[in-house]
Full PDB file with SEQRES, HELIX, SHEET, SSBOND, CRYST1, ORIGX, SCALE, CONECT and MASTER records, all heavy atoms in Angstrom:
SEQRES   1 A   37  LEU GLY VAL ARG VAL ILE LEU VAL ALA ARG ASP GLU HIS          
SEQRES   2 A   37  ARG LEU SER ALA LEU ALA THR GLU LEU THR ARG GLY ALA          
SEQRES   3 A   37  THR ALA PRO GLU VAL LEU ALA ALA ASP LEU THR                  
HELIX    1 AA1 GLU A   12  THR A   23  1                                  12    
SHEET    1 AA1 2 ILE A   6  ALA A   9  0                                        
SHEET    2 AA1 2 GLU A  30  ALA A  33  1                                        
CRYST1    1.000    1.000    1.000  90.00  90.00  90.00 P 1           1          
ORIGX1      1.000000  0.000000  0.000000        0.00000                         
ORIGX2      0.000000  1.000000  0.000000        0.00000                         
ORIGX3      0.000000  0.000000  1.000000        0.00000                         
SCALE1      1.000000  0.000000  0.000000        0.00000                         
SCALE2      0.000000  1.000000  0.000000        0.00000                         
SCALE3      0.000000  0.000000  1.000000        0.00000                         
ATOM      1  N   LEU A   1       3.832 -56.828  37.083  1.00  0.00           N  
ATOM      2  CA  LEU A   1       4.453 -55.502  37.081  1.00  0.00           C  
ATOM      3  C   LEU A   1       5.775 -55.481  36.319  1.00  0.00           C  
ATOM      4  O   LEU A   1       6.443 -54.446  36.250  1.00  0.00           O  
ATOM      5  CB  LEU A   1       4.691 -55.038  38.517  1.00  0.00           C  
ATOM      6  CG  LEU A   1       3.441 -54.740  39.356  1.00  0.00           C  
ATOM      7  CD1 LEU A   1       3.823 -54.502  40.810  1.00  0.00           C  
ATOM      8  CD2 LEU A   1       2.684 -53.539  38.791  1.00  0.00           C  
ATOM      9  N   GLY A   2       6.173 -56.637  35.766  1.00  0.00           N  
ATOM     10  CA  GLY A   2       7.414 -56.702  35.008  1.00  0.00           C  
ATOM     11  C   GLY A   2       8.633 -57.023  35.840  1.00  0.00           C  
ATOM     12  O   GLY A   2       9.773 -56.890  35.357  1.00  0.00           O  
ATOM     13  N   VAL A   3       8.427 -57.449  37.080  1.00  0.00           N  
ATOM     14  CA  VAL A   3       9.541 -57.806  37.962  1.00  0.00           C  
ATOM     15  C   VAL A   3       9.903 -59.274  37.737  1.00  0.00           C  
ATOM     16  O   VAL A   3       9.037 -60.143  37.696  1.00  0.00           O  
ATOM     17  CB  VAL A   3       9.159 -57.578  39.441  1.00  0.00           C  
ATOM     18  CG1 VAL A   3      10.278 -58.042  40.369  1.00  0.00           C  
ATOM     19  CG2 VAL A   3       8.830 -56.110  39.687  1.00  0.00           C  
ATOM     20  N   ARG A   4      11.171 -59.551  37.605  1.00  0.00           N  
ATOM     21  CA  ARG A   4      11.636 -60.931  37.482  1.00  0.00           C  
ATOM     22  C   ARG A   4      11.639 -61.554  38.865  1.00  0.00           C  
ATOM     23  O   ARG A   4      12.152 -60.954  39.819  1.00  0.00           O  
ATOM     24  CB  ARG A   4      13.038 -60.983  36.887  1.00  0.00           C  
ATOM     25  CG  ARG A   4      13.593 -62.396  36.730  1.00  0.00           C  
ATOM     26  CD  ARG A   4      14.940 -62.369  36.017  1.00  0.00           C  
ATOM     27  NE  ARG A   4      15.457 -63.727  35.867  1.00  0.00           N  
ATOM     28  CZ  ARG A   4      16.295 -64.303  36.718  1.00  0.00           C  
ATOM     29  NH1 ARG A   4      16.704 -63.633  37.792  1.00  0.00           N  
ATOM     30  NH2 ARG A   4      16.731 -65.534  36.523  1.00  0.00           N  
ATOM     31  N   VAL A   5      11.097 -62.752  39.022  1.00  0.00           N  
ATOM     32  CA  VAL A   5      10.963 -63.341  40.348  1.00  0.00           C  
ATOM     33  C   VAL A   5      11.831 -64.591  40.508  1.00  0.00           C  
ATOM     34  O   VAL A   5      12.046 -65.341  39.561  1.00  0.00           O  
ATOM     35  CB  VAL A   5       9.494 -63.679  40.674  1.00  0.00           C  
ATOM     36  CG1 VAL A   5       8.663 -62.411  40.753  1.00  0.00           C  
ATOM     37  CG2 VAL A   5       8.902 -64.647  39.668  1.00  0.00           C  
ATOM     38  N   ILE A   6      12.323 -64.755  41.717  1.00  0.00           N  
ATOM     39  CA  ILE A   6      13.032 -65.964  42.126  1.00  0.00           C  
ATOM     40  C   ILE A   6      12.134 -66.657  43.139  1.00  0.00           C  
ATOM     41  O   ILE A   6      11.819 -66.096  44.196  1.00  0.00           O  
ATOM     42  CB  ILE A   6      14.394 -65.634  42.773  1.00  0.00           C  
ATOM     43  CG1 ILE A   6      15.240 -64.773  41.836  1.00  0.00           C  
ATOM     44  CG2 ILE A   6      15.139 -66.913  43.152  1.00  0.00           C  
ATOM     45  CD1 ILE A   6      16.471 -64.181  42.509  1.00  0.00           C  
ATOM     46  N   LEU A   7      11.697 -67.852  42.811  1.00  0.00           N  
ATOM     47  CA  LEU A   7      10.732 -68.570  43.631  1.00  0.00           C  
ATOM     48  C   LEU A   7      11.453 -69.538  44.562  1.00  0.00           C  
ATOM     49  O   LEU A   7      12.187 -70.413  44.107  1.00  0.00           O  
ATOM     50  CB  LEU A   7       9.762 -69.347  42.732  1.00  0.00           C  
ATOM     51  CG  LEU A   7       9.075 -68.530  41.628  1.00  0.00           C  
ATOM     52  CD1 LEU A   7       8.271 -69.448  40.719  1.00  0.00           C  
ATOM     53  CD2 LEU A   7       8.185 -67.450  42.235  1.00  0.00           C  
ATOM     54  N   VAL A   8      11.219 -69.392  45.858  1.00  0.00           N  
ATOM     55  CA  VAL A   8      11.894 -70.219  46.860  1.00  0.00           C  
ATOM     56  C   VAL A   8      10.859 -70.964  47.699  1.00  0.00           C  
ATOM     57  O   VAL A   8       9.913 -70.357  48.214  1.00  0.00           O  
ATOM     58  CB  VAL A   8      12.785 -69.365  47.780  1.00  0.00           C  
ATOM     59  CG1 VAL A   8      13.425 -70.232  48.866  1.00  0.00           C  
ATOM     60  CG2 VAL A   8      13.844 -68.634  46.977  1.00  0.00           C  
ATOM     61  N   ALA A   9      11.038 -72.259  47.830  1.00  0.00           N  
ATOM     62  CA  ALA A   9      10.224 -73.103  48.713  1.00  0.00           C  
ATOM     63  C   ALA A   9      10.863 -74.485  48.726  1.00  0.00           C  
ATOM     64  O   ALA A   9      11.834 -74.743  48.003  1.00  0.00           O  
ATOM     65  CB  ALA A   9       8.775 -73.167  48.267  1.00  0.00           C  
ATOM     66  N   ARG A  10      10.324 -75.382  49.509  1.00  0.00           N  
ATOM     67  CA  ARG A  10      10.880 -76.738  49.570  1.00  0.00           C  
ATOM     68  C   ARG A  10      10.501 -77.578  48.355  1.00  0.00           C  
ATOM     69  O   ARG A  10      11.278 -78.397  47.889  1.00  0.00           O  
ATOM     70  CB  ARG A  10      10.375 -77.461  50.824  1.00  0.00           C  
ATOM     71  CG  ARG A  10      10.876 -76.881  52.124  1.00  0.00           C  
ATOM     72  CD  ARG A  10      10.430 -77.742  53.290  1.00  0.00           C  
ATOM     73  NE  ARG A  10       8.992 -77.939  53.315  1.00  0.00           N  
ATOM     74  CZ  ARG A  10       8.356 -78.754  54.144  1.00  0.00           C  
ATOM     75  NH1 ARG A  10       9.057 -79.471  55.016  1.00  0.00           N  
ATOM     76  NH2 ARG A  10       7.046 -78.860  54.116  1.00  0.00           N  
ATOM     77  N   ASP A  11       9.257 -77.391  47.870  1.00  0.00           N  
ATOM     78  CA  ASP A  11       8.705 -78.268  46.844  1.00  0.00           C  
ATOM     79  C   ASP A  11       9.079 -77.783  45.442  1.00  0.00           C  
ATOM     80  O   ASP A  11       8.450 -76.880  44.891  1.00  0.00           O  
ATOM     81  CB  ASP A  11       7.177 -78.320  46.991  1.00  0.00           C  
ATOM     82  CG  ASP A  11       6.537 -79.438  46.188  1.00  0.00           C  
ATOM     83  OD1 ASP A  11       7.052 -79.753  45.103  1.00  0.00           O  
ATOM     84  OD2 ASP A  11       5.517 -79.983  46.641  1.00  0.00           O  
ATOM     85  N   GLU A  12      10.103 -78.400  44.856  1.00  0.00           N  
ATOM     86  CA  GLU A  12      10.581 -77.965  43.544  1.00  0.00           C  
ATOM     87  C   GLU A  12       9.539 -78.193  42.451  1.00  0.00           C  
ATOM     88  O   GLU A  12       9.428 -77.396  41.509  1.00  0.00           O  
ATOM     89  CB  GLU A  12      11.873 -78.692  43.186  1.00  0.00           C  
ATOM     90  CG  GLU A  12      12.518 -78.194  41.900  1.00  0.00           C  
ATOM     91  CD  GLU A  12      13.910 -78.733  41.687  1.00  0.00           C  
ATOM     92  OE1 GLU A  12      14.326 -79.625  42.480  1.00  0.00           O  
ATOM     93  OE2 GLU A  12      14.587 -78.268  40.767  1.00  0.00           O  
ATOM     94  N   HIS A  13       8.765 -79.272  42.574  1.00  0.00           N  
ATOM     95  CA  HIS A  13       7.750 -79.561  41.561  1.00  0.00           C  
ATOM     96  C   HIS A  13       6.701 -78.451  41.515  1.00  0.00           C  
ATOM     97  O   HIS A  13       6.335 -77.975  40.426  1.00  0.00           O  
ATOM     98  CB  HIS A  13       7.092 -80.905  41.865  1.00  0.00           C  
ATOM     99  CG  HIS A  13       5.969 -81.244  40.925  1.00  0.00           C  
ATOM    100  ND1 HIS A  13       6.184 -81.642  39.625  1.00  0.00           N  
ATOM    101  CD2 HIS A  13       4.613 -81.207  41.104  1.00  0.00           C  
ATOM    102  CE1 HIS A  13       5.008 -81.856  39.040  1.00  0.00           C  
ATOM    103  NE2 HIS A  13       4.045 -81.592  39.906  1.00  0.00           N  
ATOM    104  N   ARG A  14       6.235 -78.021  42.670  1.00  0.00           N  
ATOM    105  CA  ARG A  14       5.234 -76.953  42.705  1.00  0.00           C  
ATOM    106  C   ARG A  14       5.821 -75.627  42.242  1.00  0.00           C  
ATOM    107  O   ARG A  14       5.142 -74.833  41.582  1.00  0.00           O  
ATOM    108  CB  ARG A  14       4.656 -76.824  44.112  1.00  0.00           C  
ATOM    109  CG  ARG A  14       3.871 -78.042  44.561  1.00  0.00           C  
ATOM    110  CD  ARG A  14       3.193 -77.814  45.883  1.00  0.00           C  
ATOM    111  NE  ARG A  14       2.135 -76.813  45.776  1.00  0.00           N  
ATOM    112  CZ  ARG A  14       1.315 -76.506  46.778  1.00  0.00           C  
ATOM    113  NH1 ARG A  14       1.459 -77.095  47.950  1.00  0.00           N  
ATOM    114  NH2 ARG A  14       0.375 -75.607  46.619  1.00  0.00           N  
ATOM    115  N   LEU A  15       7.061 -75.374  42.592  1.00  0.00           N  
ATOM    116  CA  LEU A  15       7.707 -74.149  42.131  1.00  0.00           C  
ATOM    117  C   LEU A  15       7.833 -74.136  40.611  1.00  0.00           C  
ATOM    118  O   LEU A  15       7.602 -73.107  39.964  1.00  0.00           O  
ATOM    119  CB  LEU A  15       9.085 -74.012  42.759  1.00  0.00           C  
ATOM    120  CG  LEU A  15       9.156 -73.707  44.249  1.00  0.00           C  
ATOM    121  CD1 LEU A  15      10.599 -73.622  44.699  1.00  0.00           C  
ATOM    122  CD2 LEU A  15       8.417 -72.415  44.582  1.00  0.00           C  
ATOM    123  N   SER A  16       8.186 -75.274  40.034  1.00  0.00           N  
ATOM    124  CA  SER A  16       8.332 -75.356  38.580  1.00  0.00           C  
ATOM    125  C   SER A  16       6.998 -75.148  37.888  1.00  0.00           C  
ATOM    126  O   SER A  16       6.915 -74.497  36.838  1.00  0.00           O  
ATOM    127  CB  SER A  16       8.931 -76.710  38.189  1.00  0.00           C  
ATOM    128  OG  SER A  16      10.235 -76.845  38.718  1.00  0.00           O  
ATOM    129  N   ALA A  17       5.925 -75.690  38.476  1.00  0.00           N  
ATOM    130  CA  ALA A  17       4.592 -75.489  37.902  1.00  0.00           C  
ATOM    131  C   ALA A  17       4.203 -74.018  37.942  1.00  0.00           C  
ATOM    132  O   ALA A  17       3.640 -73.480  36.982  1.00  0.00           O  
ATOM    133  CB  ALA A  17       3.571 -76.340  38.664  1.00  0.00           C  
ATOM    134  N   LEU A  18       4.498 -73.346  39.043  1.00  0.00           N  
ATOM    135  CA  LEU A  18       4.205 -71.914  39.140  1.00  0.00           C  
ATOM    136  C   LEU A  18       5.059 -71.123  38.160  1.00  0.00           C  
ATOM    137  O   LEU A  18       4.574 -70.182  37.517  1.00  0.00           O  
ATOM    138  CB  LEU A  18       4.449 -71.431  40.567  1.00  0.00           C  
ATOM    139  CG  LEU A  18       4.224 -69.937  40.822  1.00  0.00           C  
ATOM    140  CD1 LEU A  18       2.785 -69.540  40.528  1.00  0.00           C  
ATOM    141  CD2 LEU A  18       4.602 -69.586  42.275  1.00  0.00           C  
ATOM    142  N   ALA A  19       6.313 -71.502  38.018  1.00  0.00           N  
ATOM    143  CA  ALA A  19       7.189 -70.814  37.069  1.00  0.00           C  
ATOM    144  C   ALA A  19       6.654 -70.924  35.648  1.00  0.00           C  
ATOM    145  O   ALA A  19       6.681 -69.957  34.875  1.00  0.00           O  
ATOM    146  CB  ALA A  19       8.597 -71.395  37.155  1.00  0.00           C  
ATOM    147  N   THR A  20       6.146 -72.101  35.295  1.00  0.00           N  
ATOM    148  CA  THR A  20       5.557 -72.291  33.961  1.00  0.00           C  
ATOM    149  C   THR A  20       4.347 -71.395  33.783  1.00  0.00           C  
ATOM    150  O   THR A  20       4.156 -70.776  32.725  1.00  0.00           O  
ATOM    151  CB  THR A  20       5.157 -73.764  33.774  1.00  0.00           C  
ATOM    152  OG1 THR A  20       6.332 -74.584  33.883  1.00  0.00           O  
ATOM    153  CG2 THR A  20       4.512 -73.973  32.416  1.00  0.00           C  
ATOM    154  N   GLU A  21       3.518 -71.302  34.815  1.00  0.00           N  
ATOM    155  CA  GLU A  21       2.328 -70.442  34.756  1.00  0.00           C  
ATOM    156  C   GLU A  21       2.719 -68.980  34.558  1.00  0.00           C  
ATOM    157  O   GLU A  21       2.071 -68.244  33.793  1.00  0.00           O  
ATOM    158  CB  GLU A  21       1.529 -70.572  36.055  1.00  0.00           C  
ATOM    159  CG  GLU A  21       0.374 -69.586  36.177  1.00  0.00           C  
ATOM    160  CD  GLU A  21      -0.119 -69.425  37.600  1.00  0.00           C  
ATOM    161  OE1 GLU A  21      -0.063 -70.402  38.376  1.00  0.00           O  
ATOM    162  OE2 GLU A  21      -0.571 -68.312  37.953  1.00  0.00           O  
ATOM    163  N   LEU A  22       3.778 -68.552  35.217  1.00  0.00           N  
ATOM    164  CA  LEU A  22       4.149 -67.140  35.209  1.00  0.00           C  
ATOM    165  C   LEU A  22       4.934 -66.725  33.976  1.00  0.00           C  
ATOM    166  O   LEU A  22       5.001 -65.538  33.669  1.00  0.00           O  
ATOM    167  CB  LEU A  22       4.982 -66.818  36.455  1.00  0.00           C  
ATOM    168  CG  LEU A  22       4.273 -66.957  37.803  1.00  0.00           C  
ATOM    169  CD1 LEU A  22       5.250 -66.678  38.938  1.00  0.00           C  
ATOM    170  CD2 LEU A  22       3.080 -66.018  37.897  1.00  0.00           C  
ATOM    171  N   THR A  23       5.521 -67.683  33.254  1.00  0.00           N  
ATOM    172  CA  THR A  23       6.375 -67.321  32.122  1.00  0.00           C  
ATOM    173  C   THR A  23       5.582 -66.602  31.040  1.00  0.00           C  
ATOM    174  O   THR A  23       5.749 -65.417  30.804  1.00  0.00           O  
ATOM    175  CB  THR A  23       7.075 -68.563  31.559  1.00  0.00           C  
ATOM    176  OG1 THR A  23       7.849 -69.170  32.583  1.00  0.00           O  
ATOM    177  CG2 THR A  23       7.979 -68.171  30.411  1.00  0.00           C  
ATOM    178  N   ARG A  24       4.718 -67.287  30.354  1.00  0.00           N  
ATOM    179  CA  ARG A  24       3.799 -66.677  29.380  1.00  0.00           C  
ATOM    180  C   ARG A  24       4.432 -65.549  28.567  1.00  0.00           C  
ATOM    181  O   ARG A  24       3.938 -64.430  28.488  1.00  0.00           O  
ATOM    182  CB  ARG A  24       2.557 -66.146  30.094  1.00  0.00           C  
ATOM    183  CG  ARG A  24       1.737 -67.243  30.751  1.00  0.00           C  
ATOM    184  CD  ARG A  24       0.519 -66.704  31.438  1.00  0.00           C  
ATOM    185  NE  ARG A  24      -0.242 -67.753  32.081  1.00  0.00           N  
ATOM    186  CZ  ARG A  24      -1.306 -67.554  32.839  1.00  0.00           C  
ATOM    187  NH1 ARG A  24      -1.736 -66.318  33.060  1.00  0.00           N  
ATOM    188  NH2 ARG A  24      -1.958 -68.566  33.384  1.00  0.00           N  
ATOM    189  N   GLY A  25       5.570 -65.819  27.984  1.00  0.00           N  
ATOM    190  CA  GLY A  25       6.220 -64.832  27.130  1.00  0.00           C  
ATOM    191  C   GLY A  25       7.168 -63.915  27.867  1.00  0.00           C  
ATOM    192  O   GLY A  25       7.995 -63.251  27.270  1.00  0.00           O  
ATOM    193  N   ALA A  26       7.044 -63.857  29.216  1.00  0.00           N  
ATOM    194  CA  ALA A  26       7.948 -63.016  29.989  1.00  0.00           C  
ATOM    195  C   ALA A  26       9.210 -63.804  30.327  1.00  0.00           C  
ATOM    196  O   ALA A  26       9.344 -64.972  29.985  1.00  0.00           O  
ATOM    197  CB  ALA A  26       7.247 -62.553  31.275  1.00  0.00           C  
ATOM    198  N   THR A  27      10.129 -63.147  30.987  1.00  0.00           N  
ATOM    199  CA  THR A  27      11.336 -63.838  31.434  1.00  0.00           C  
ATOM    200  C   THR A  27      10.954 -64.934  32.406  1.00  0.00           C  
ATOM    201  O   THR A  27      10.196 -64.707  33.349  1.00  0.00           O  
ATOM    202  CB  THR A  27      12.302 -62.852  32.114  1.00  0.00           C  
ATOM    203  OG1 THR A  27      12.630 -61.811  31.189  1.00  0.00           O  
ATOM    204  CG2 THR A  27      13.569 -63.552  32.552  1.00  0.00           C  
ATOM    205  N   ALA A  28      11.460 -66.122  32.200  1.00  0.00           N  
ATOM    206  CA  ALA A  28      11.099 -67.251  33.053  1.00  0.00           C  
ATOM    207  C   ALA A  28      11.594 -67.016  34.470  1.00  0.00           C  
ATOM    208  O   ALA A  28      12.736 -66.604  34.679  1.00  0.00           O  
ATOM    209  CB  ALA A  28      11.694 -68.536  32.494  1.00  0.00           C  
ATOM    210  N   PRO A  29      10.750 -67.272  35.475  1.00  0.00           N  
ATOM    211  CA  PRO A  29      11.197 -67.144  36.863  1.00  0.00           C  
ATOM    212  C   PRO A  29      12.323 -68.119  37.170  1.00  0.00           C  
ATOM    213  O   PRO A  29      12.449 -69.173  36.550  1.00  0.00           O  
ATOM    214  CB  PRO A  29       9.933 -67.495  37.667  1.00  0.00           C  
ATOM    215  CG  PRO A  29       8.796 -67.249  36.731  1.00  0.00           C  
ATOM    216  CD  PRO A  29       9.320 -67.605  35.377  1.00  0.00           C  
ATOM    217  N   GLU A  30      13.122 -67.762  38.131  1.00  0.00           N  
ATOM    218  CA  GLU A  30      14.169 -68.649  38.614  1.00  0.00           C  
ATOM    219  C   GLU A  30      13.605 -69.497  39.745  1.00  0.00           C  
ATOM    220  O   GLU A  30      12.927 -68.975  40.643  1.00  0.00           O  
ATOM    221  CB  GLU A  30      15.352 -67.824  39.111  1.00  0.00           C  
ATOM    222  CG  GLU A  30      16.524 -68.628  39.629  1.00  0.00           C  
ATOM    223  CD  GLU A  30      17.666 -67.746  40.104  1.00  0.00           C  
ATOM    224  OE1 GLU A  30      17.744 -66.583  39.660  1.00  0.00           O  
ATOM    225  OE2 GLU A  30      18.473 -68.219  40.929  1.00  0.00           O  
ATOM    226  N   VAL A  31      13.866 -70.787  39.746  1.00  0.00           N  
ATOM    227  CA  VAL A  31      13.386 -71.694  40.775  1.00  0.00           C  
ATOM    228  C   VAL A  31      14.545 -72.081  41.676  1.00  0.00           C  
ATOM    229  O   VAL A  31      15.582 -72.547  41.210  1.00  0.00           O  
ATOM    230  CB  VAL A  31      12.738 -72.951  40.156  1.00  0.00           C  
ATOM    231  CG1 VAL A  31      12.452 -74.004  41.216  1.00  0.00           C  
ATOM    232  CG2 VAL A  31      11.463 -72.571  39.417  1.00  0.00           C  
ATOM    233  N   LEU A  32      14.356 -71.876  42.968  1.00  0.00           N  
ATOM    234  CA  LEU A  32      15.400 -72.196  43.936  1.00  0.00           C  
ATOM    235  C   LEU A  32      14.759 -73.013  45.056  1.00  0.00           C  
ATOM    236  O   LEU A  32      14.175 -72.461  45.999  1.00  0.00           O  
ATOM    237  CB  LEU A  32      16.016 -70.914  44.481  1.00  0.00           C  
ATOM    238  CG  LEU A  32      17.153 -71.037  45.506  1.00  0.00           C  
ATOM    239  CD1 LEU A  32      18.268 -71.927  44.965  1.00  0.00           C  
ATOM    240  CD2 LEU A  32      17.685 -69.653  45.847  1.00  0.00           C  
ATOM    241  N   ALA A  33      14.822 -74.325  44.940  1.00  0.00           N  
ATOM    242  CA  ALA A  33      14.235 -75.208  45.950  1.00  0.00           C  
ATOM    243  C   ALA A  33      15.156 -75.280  47.153  1.00  0.00           C  
ATOM    244  O   ALA A  33      16.342 -75.616  47.024  1.00  0.00           O  
ATOM    245  CB  ALA A  33      14.008 -76.601  45.362  1.00  0.00           C  
ATOM    246  N   ALA A  34      14.629 -74.937  48.327  1.00  0.00           N  
ATOM    247  CA  ALA A  34      15.448 -74.942  49.537  1.00  0.00           C  
ATOM    248  C   ALA A  34      14.561 -75.018  50.766  1.00  0.00           C  
ATOM    249  O   ALA A  34      13.491 -74.397  50.817  1.00  0.00           O  
ATOM    250  CB  ALA A  34      16.318 -73.682  49.607  1.00  0.00           C  
ATOM    251  N   ASP A  35      15.000 -75.774  51.749  1.00  0.00           N  
ATOM    252  CA  ASP A  35      14.323 -75.855  53.039  1.00  0.00           C  
ATOM    253  C   ASP A  35      15.004 -74.855  53.969  1.00  0.00           C  
ATOM    254  O   ASP A  35      16.147 -75.055  54.389  1.00  0.00           O  
ATOM    255  CB  ASP A  35      14.436 -77.282  53.593  1.00  0.00           C  
ATOM    256  CG  ASP A  35      13.700 -77.453  54.918  1.00  0.00           C  
ATOM    257  OD1 ASP A  35      13.233 -76.433  55.479  1.00  0.00           O  
ATOM    258  OD2 ASP A  35      13.588 -78.603  55.379  1.00  0.00           O  
ATOM    259  N   LEU A  36      14.309 -73.789  54.304  1.00  0.00           N  
ATOM    260  CA  LEU A  36      14.907 -72.720  55.097  1.00  0.00           C  
ATOM    261  C   LEU A  36      15.069 -73.089  56.565  1.00  0.00           C  
ATOM    262  O   LEU A  36      15.671 -72.322  57.330  1.00  0.00           O  
ATOM    263  CB  LEU A  36      14.093 -71.436  54.969  1.00  0.00           C  
ATOM    264  CG  LEU A  36      13.994 -70.850  53.552  1.00  0.00           C  
ATOM    265  CD1 LEU A  36      13.218 -69.548  53.576  1.00  0.00           C  
ATOM    266  CD2 LEU A  36      15.375 -70.654  52.946  1.00  0.00           C  
ATOM    267  N   THR A  37      14.543 -74.241  56.982  1.00  0.00           N  
ATOM    268  CA  THR A  37      14.767 -74.694  58.346  1.00  0.00           C  
ATOM    269  C   THR A  37      16.064 -75.489  58.465  1.00  0.00           C  
ATOM    270  O   THR A  37      16.440 -75.900  59.565  1.00  0.00           O  
ATOM    271  CB  THR A  37      13.598 -75.541  58.859  1.00  0.00           C  
ATOM    272  OG1 THR A  37      13.469 -76.725  58.060  1.00  0.00           O  
ATOM    273  CG2 THR A  37      12.292 -74.758  58.816  1.00  0.00           C  
TER     274      THR A  37                                                      
MASTER        0    0    0    1    2    0    0    6  273    1    0    3          
END                                                                             
């Protein structure tokens, strides 16, 4: 939909892989690895 996303989870490697998938010419997602517990 054209929304820029900030991806949050514990696993930075998986977040980075998802960010790469989502970029595809669009603005690259921001990755924020964090354990919310």
